[in-house]
Structures are given as C-alpha cells and as structure tokens.
Amino acid sequence: MEQKKMLLVELDEKGIHTEVKGSPVDIMCMATEALKISKEALEKHPNICPKMSVKLMDNVVDTYQTEAHYGKEVAAFKAFLNYLNLR
C-alpha cells in the first residue's frame, strides 16, 4: 500500500512553512497524534515529571487557541505573563 505524504514542513531563512494535504478529519487526526507523541516524549525526559508534562502540553494548546482567536501579539503577551507567574 502506498502511503501518501500529508504533511510537508520546510525550514528556510524566512522561518518554518507547512503544507497539509488531506481532509479536515485527516488533519485533526495528525494534530491529535502529534500532541500524544509530544506528551509521551516529555514524560520520558528525566527532568520533567508527568504532572509538568501535562502542564506544558496544556500551555501549548492554550497558546495556540489564544493566537487563533486573538492574534500573535495577545498570545505572546499572555505567554509573558505566564512566564512571570512561574517565577
């Protein structure tokens, strides 16, 4: 069975560019799998406890949602405030 390429990620001097081919369901399945794999990798890190890995993943999702709804500037400001609260 031939596996088709659904995600293309390129890094150049302008930054990271992505291209996704597939249905919205395909894309959501990829995003869910990526989050799951990222969480598992964080949990394996010797300096990160499982509770902290969940907190980091929640922060990633929250940042994305904030950026999607309010823009990059608001997401960056919120991330800065979160950073100050961690100190």
Protein backbone atom coordinates (compact mmCIF):
# COMPACT_ATOMS: atom_id res chain seq x y z
CA MET A 1 0.00 0.00 0.00
CA GLU A 2 1.36 3.40 -0.94
CA GLN A 3 1.47 5.96 1.84
CA LYS A 4 0.76 9.47 0.64
CA LYS A 5 2.55 12.47 2.09
CA MET A 6 0.07 14.58 4.00
CA LEU A 7 2.37 16.99 5.80
CA LEU A 8 5.27 18.95 4.39
CA VAL A 9 7.40 21.06 6.76
CA GLU A 10 10.16 23.28 5.40
CA LEU A 11 12.61 25.45 7.29
CA ASP A 12 14.37 28.28 5.46
CA GLU A 13 15.72 31.73 6.24
CA LYS A 14 12.16 33.10 6.45
CA GLY A 15 11.04 30.55 9.05
CA ILE A 16 9.01 27.36 9.14
CA HIS A 17 6.43 26.76 6.43
CA THR A 18 3.93 23.91 6.46
CA GLU A 19 1.65 22.47 3.85
CA VAL A 20 -1.03 19.96 4.72
CA LYS A 21 -2.85 17.77 2.23
CA GLY A 22 -5.87 15.83 3.33
CA SER A 23 -9.35 16.24 4.70
CA PRO A 24 -10.09 18.18 7.89
CA VAL A 25 -10.53 14.84 9.67
CA ASP A 26 -7.07 13.72 8.47
CA ILE A 27 -5.57 16.94 9.76
CA MET A 28 -7.25 16.67 13.15
CA CYS A 29 -6.06 13.08 13.49
CA MET A 30 -2.49 14.22 12.71
CA ALA A 31 -2.73 17.02 15.28
CA THR A 32 -4.08 14.64 17.93
CA GLU A 33 -1.31 12.14 17.24
CA ALA A 34 1.35 14.87 17.32
CA LEU A 35 0.13 16.07 20.73
CA LYS A 36 0.09 12.50 22.06
CA ILE A 37 3.63 11.80 20.84
CA SER A 38 4.87 15.12 22.23
CA LYS A 39 3.36 14.39 25.65
CA GLU A 40 4.91 10.91 25.71
CA ALA A 41 8.32 12.37 24.81
CA LEU A 42 8.05 14.97 27.57
CA GLU A 43 7.13 12.28 30.10
CA LYS A 44 10.31 10.35 29.20
CA HIS A 45 12.54 13.38 29.84
CA PRO A 46 14.47 12.88 33.09
CA ASN A 47 13.96 16.47 34.27
CA ILE A 48 10.20 16.66 33.67
CA CYS A 49 7.67 14.92 35.89
CA PRO A 50 4.39 13.63 34.36
CA LYS A 51 2.41 16.44 36.03
CA MET A 52 4.71 19.05 34.48
CA SER A 53 4.45 17.42 31.04
CA VAL A 54 0.67 17.75 31.15
CA LYS A 55 1.02 21.38 32.26
CA LEU A 56 3.38 22.10 29.36
CA MET A 57 1.02 20.48 26.85
CA ASP A 58 -1.91 22.45 28.27
CA ASN A 59 0.15 25.60 27.83
CA VAL A 60 0.86 24.73 24.17
CA VAL A 61 -2.83 24.16 23.42
CA ASP A 62 -3.87 27.30 25.31
CA THR A 63 -1.28 29.41 23.47
CA TYR A 64 -2.48 28.09 20.12
CA GLN A 65 -6.12 28.79 20.97
CA THR A 66 -5.30 32.30 22.16
CA GLU A 67 -3.33 33.02 18.99
CA ALA A 68 -6.08 31.61 16.78
CA HIS A 69 -8.77 33.73 18.46
CA TYR A 70 -6.95 36.94 19.36
CA GLY A 71 -3.70 37.08 17.37
CA LYS A 72 0.00 36.54 17.91
CA GLU A 73 0.51 39.70 19.96
CA VAL A 74 -2.06 38.69 22.57
CA ALA A 75 -0.67 35.15 22.70
CA ALA A 76 2.86 36.48 23.19
CA PHE A 77 1.71 38.83 25.97
CA LYS A 78 -0.19 36.02 27.69
CA ALA A 79 2.88 33.76 27.45
CA PHE A 80 4.98 36.52 29.02
CA LEU A 81 2.50 36.86 31.89
CA ASN A 82 2.57 33.08 32.39
CA TYR A 83 6.37 33.22 32.49
CA LEU A 84 6.25 35.89 35.21
CA ASN A 85 3.81 33.76 37.23
CA LEU A 86 6.18 30.78 37.10
CA ARG A 87 8.98 32.77 38.75
